[in-house]
C-alpha atoms as a PDB file:
ATOM      1  CA  MET A   1      91.001 109.866  97.753  1.00  0.00           C
ATOM      2  CA  LYS A   2      90.371 113.325  99.166  1.00  0.00           C
ATOM      3  CA  VAL A   3      92.062 116.602  98.794  1.00  0.00           C
ATOM      4  CA  SER A   4      93.277 116.221 102.455  1.00  0.00           C
ATOM      5  CA  ASP A   5      94.932 113.122 101.452  1.00  0.00           C
ATOM      6  CA  ILE A   6      97.033 114.469  98.665  1.00  0.00           C
ATOM      7  CA  ILE A   7      98.054 117.519 100.704  1.00  0.00           C
ATOM      8  CA  ASN A   8      99.732 115.108 103.339  1.00  0.00           C
ATOM      9  CA  SER A   9     100.960 112.686 100.623  1.00  0.00           C
ATOM     10  CA  LEU A  10     102.498 115.164  98.248  1.00  0.00           C
ATOM     11  CA  ASP A  11     103.696 117.711 100.937  1.00  0.00           C
ATOM     12  CA  LEU A  12     101.445 120.418  99.466  1.00  0.00           C
ATOM     13  CA  GLU A  13     100.619 123.676 101.307  1.00  0.00           C
ATOM     14  CA  LEU A  14      96.823 124.581 101.585  1.00  0.00           C
ATOM     15  CA  LEU A  15      96.588 128.363 100.760  1.00  0.00           C
ATOM     16  CA  CYS A  16      92.888 128.905 100.815  1.00  0.00           C
ATOM     17  CA  GLY A  17      89.449 127.159 100.129  1.00  0.00           C
ATOM     18  CA  GLN A  18      89.862 125.115 103.386  1.00  0.00           C
ATOM     19  CA  SER A  19      86.091 124.135 103.334  1.00  0.00           C
ATOM     20  CA  GLY A  20      86.797 121.892 100.402  1.00  0.00           C
ATOM     21  CA  ILE A  21      89.561 119.846 101.712  1.00  0.00           C
ATOM     22  CA  GLU A  22      87.303 116.787 101.897  1.00  0.00           C
ATOM     23  CA  ASN A  23      86.291 117.091  98.180  1.00  0.00           C
ATOM     24  CA  GLU A  24      86.762 113.665  96.445  1.00  0.00           C
ATOM     25  CA  ILE A  25      89.350 113.504  93.722  1.00  0.00           C
ATOM     26  CA  THR A  26      88.621 111.564  90.576  1.00  0.00           C
ATOM     27  CA  GLY A  27      91.837 112.246  88.633  1.00  0.00           C
ATOM     28  CA  GLY A  28      94.103 115.026  87.558  1.00  0.00           C
ATOM     29  CA  TYR A  29      94.270 117.660  84.652  1.00  0.00           C
ATOM     30  CA  VAL A  30      97.402 119.569  83.670  1.00  0.00           C
ATOM     31  CA  SER A  31      97.100 122.694  81.484  1.00  0.00           C
ATOM     32  CA  ASP A  32      97.885 126.330  81.556  1.00  0.00           C
ATOM     33  CA  LEU A  33      95.405 127.223  78.828  1.00  0.00           C
ATOM     34  CA  LEU A  34      92.125 128.163  80.382  1.00  0.00           C
ATOM     35  CA  SER A  35      90.054 127.217  77.296  1.00  0.00           C
ATOM     36  CA  ASP A  36      91.639 123.828  77.400  1.00  0.00           C
ATOM     37  CA  VAL A  37      90.659 123.100  80.968  1.00  0.00           C
ATOM     38  CA  MET A  38      87.265 124.530  80.299  1.00  0.00           C
ATOM     39  CA  GLY A  39      86.652 122.155  77.496  1.00  0.00           C
ATOM     40  CA  ASN A  40      88.326 118.981  78.796  1.00  0.00           C
ATOM     41  CA  ALA A  41      88.781 118.907  82.573  1.00  0.00           C
ATOM     42  CA  LYS A  42      86.237 116.638  84.307  1.00  0.00           C
ATOM     43  CA  GLU A  43      84.256 116.998  87.498  1.00  0.00           C
ATOM     44  CA  GLY A  44      86.347 116.072  90.744  1.00  0.00           C
ATOM     45  CA  GLN A  45      89.719 116.412  89.061  1.00  0.00           C
ATOM     46  CA  VAL A  46      92.736 118.241  90.535  1.00  0.00           C
ATOM     47  CA  TRP A  47      93.908 121.002  88.189  1.00  0.00           C
ATOM     48  CA  ILE A  48      97.791 121.576  88.058  1.00  0.00           C
ATOM     49  CA  THR A  49      98.650 124.911  86.708  1.00  0.00           C
ATOM     50  CA  LEU A  50     100.891 128.029  87.118  1.00  0.00           C
ATOM     51  CA  GLN A  51      98.206 130.482  86.339  1.00  0.00           C
ATOM     52  CA  THR A  52      97.370 132.549  89.544  1.00  0.00           C
ATOM     53  CA  HIS A  53      94.528 134.923  88.382  1.00  0.00           C
ATOM     54  CA  LYS A  54      90.884 134.930  89.433  1.00  0.00           C
ATOM     55  CA  ASN A  55      89.671 133.239  86.160  1.00  0.00           C
ATOM     56  CA  VAL A  56      91.302 130.014  87.490  1.00  0.00           C
ATOM     57  CA  MET A  57      88.707 130.039  90.158  1.00  0.00           C
ATOM     58  CA  ALA A  58      85.940 130.741  87.744  1.00  0.00           C
ATOM     59  CA  ILE A  59      86.783 127.569  85.552  1.00  0.00           C
ATOM     60  CA  ALA A  60      87.485 125.478  88.620  1.00  0.00           C
ATOM     61  CA  SER A  61      84.046 126.262  90.015  1.00  0.00           C
ATOM     62  CA  LEU A  62      82.334 125.875  86.714  1.00  0.00           C
ATOM     63  CA  LYS A  63      83.894 122.418  86.136  1.00  0.00           C
ATOM     64  CA  ASP A  64      83.359 121.300  89.741  1.00  0.00           C
ATOM     65  CA  LEU A  65      87.173 120.603  90.212  1.00  0.00           C
ATOM     66  CA  ALA A  66      88.319 119.200  93.540  1.00  0.00           C
ATOM     67  CA  ALA A  67      91.169 121.462  93.854  1.00  0.00           C
ATOM     68  CA  VAL A  68      93.726 123.499  92.088  1.00  0.00           C
ATOM     69  CA  ILE A  69      97.644 123.014  92.547  1.00  0.00           C
ATOM     70  CA  LEU A  70      99.775 125.905  91.753  1.00  0.00           C
ATOM     71  CA  VAL A  71     103.318 124.941  90.882  1.00  0.00           C
ATOM     72  CA  LYS A  72     106.918 126.159  91.557  1.00  0.00           C
ATOM     73  CA  GLY A  73     105.692 127.808  94.810  1.00  0.00           C
ATOM     74  CA  PHE A  74     103.447 130.378  92.994  1.00  0.00           C
ATOM     75  CA  ASN A  75     100.983 132.328  95.056  1.00  0.00           C
ATOM     76  CA  PRO A  76      97.382 133.192  93.952  1.00  0.00           C
ATOM     77  CA  ASP A  77      96.151 136.632  93.349  1.00  0.00           C
ATOM     78  CA  GLU A  78      94.082 138.279  96.121  1.00  0.00           C
ATOM     79  CA  ASP A  79      90.843 137.978  94.162  1.00  0.00           C
ATOM     80  CA  THR A  80      91.690 134.344  93.480  1.00  0.00           C
ATOM     81  CA  VAL A  81      92.059 133.657  97.267  1.00  0.00           C
ATOM     82  CA  LYS A  82      88.592 135.445  98.010  1.00  0.00           C
ATOM     83  CA  GLN A  83      86.954 133.331  95.232  1.00  0.00           C
ATOM     84  CA  SER A  84      88.548 130.074  96.415  1.00  0.00           C
ATOM     85  CA  ASN A  85      87.229 130.661  99.964  1.00  0.00           C
ATOM     86  CA  GLN A  86      83.763 131.477  98.685  1.00  0.00           C
ATOM     87  CA  GLU A  87      83.647 128.514  96.218  1.00  0.00           C
ATOM     88  CA  GLY A  88      85.232 125.982  98.703  1.00  0.00           C
ATOM     89  CA  VAL A  89      87.777 124.923  95.907  1.00  0.00           C
ATOM     90  CA  PRO A  90      91.082 124.703  97.662  1.00  0.00           C
ATOM     91  CA  ILE A  91      94.145 126.150  96.120  1.00  0.00           C
ATOM     92  CA  LEU A  92      97.366 124.169  97.121  1.00  0.00           C
ATOM     93  CA  ARG A  93     100.959 125.039  96.507  1.00  0.00           C
ATOM     94  CA  ALA A  94     103.664 122.615  95.443  1.00  0.00           C
ATOM     95  CA  LYS A  95     107.285 123.450  95.458  1.00  0.00           C
ATOM     96  CA  GLU A  96     107.880 121.265  92.419  1.00  0.00           C
ATOM     97  CA  ASN A  97     107.522 122.194  88.719  1.00  0.00           C
ATOM     98  CA  THR A  98     104.524 120.928  86.675  1.00  0.00           C
ATOM     99  CA  PHE A  99     106.305 117.784  85.366  1.00  0.00           C
ATOM    100  CA  GLU A 100     107.374 116.739  88.823  1.00  0.00           C
ATOM    101  CA  ILE A 101     104.005 117.310  90.758  1.00  0.00           C
ATOM    102  CA  ALA A 102     101.963 115.708  88.057  1.00  0.00           C
ATOM    103  CA  GLY A 103     104.148 112.623  88.117  1.00  0.00           C
ATOM    104  CA  LYS A 104     103.842 112.352  91.909  1.00  0.00           C
ATOM    105  CA  LEU A 105      99.927 112.961  91.730  1.00  0.00           C
ATOM    106  CA  PHE A 106      99.621 110.211  88.952  1.00  0.00           C
ATOM    107  CA  GLN A 107     101.639 107.741  91.007  1.00  0.00           C
ATOM    108  CA  LEU A 108      99.480 108.507  94.059  1.00  0.00           C
ATOM    109  CA  LEU A 109      96.088 108.134  92.273  1.00  0.00           C
END
């Protein structure tokens, strides 16, 4: 499954990082603790978080994540958008809270 598939299936909004919408998804990871994601997320996973600052992109890029989903309609910071576009890691926005979007992603994958 690709990032473009979950955008359509989960009614997500693509905010930035458009060049990565064909990234392959291998699973998902949910955490708001950056050190947890850095230590445990796997390549190709989609990261679900409420964090919006540029360190999110540093970790997403370091871990070769397929995409980041921001919950509850949150918007990324300007620096985060710039880095997303540079790295090609899409940032997607979900209207739902973390619990709801994680459940939907789990069912889809």
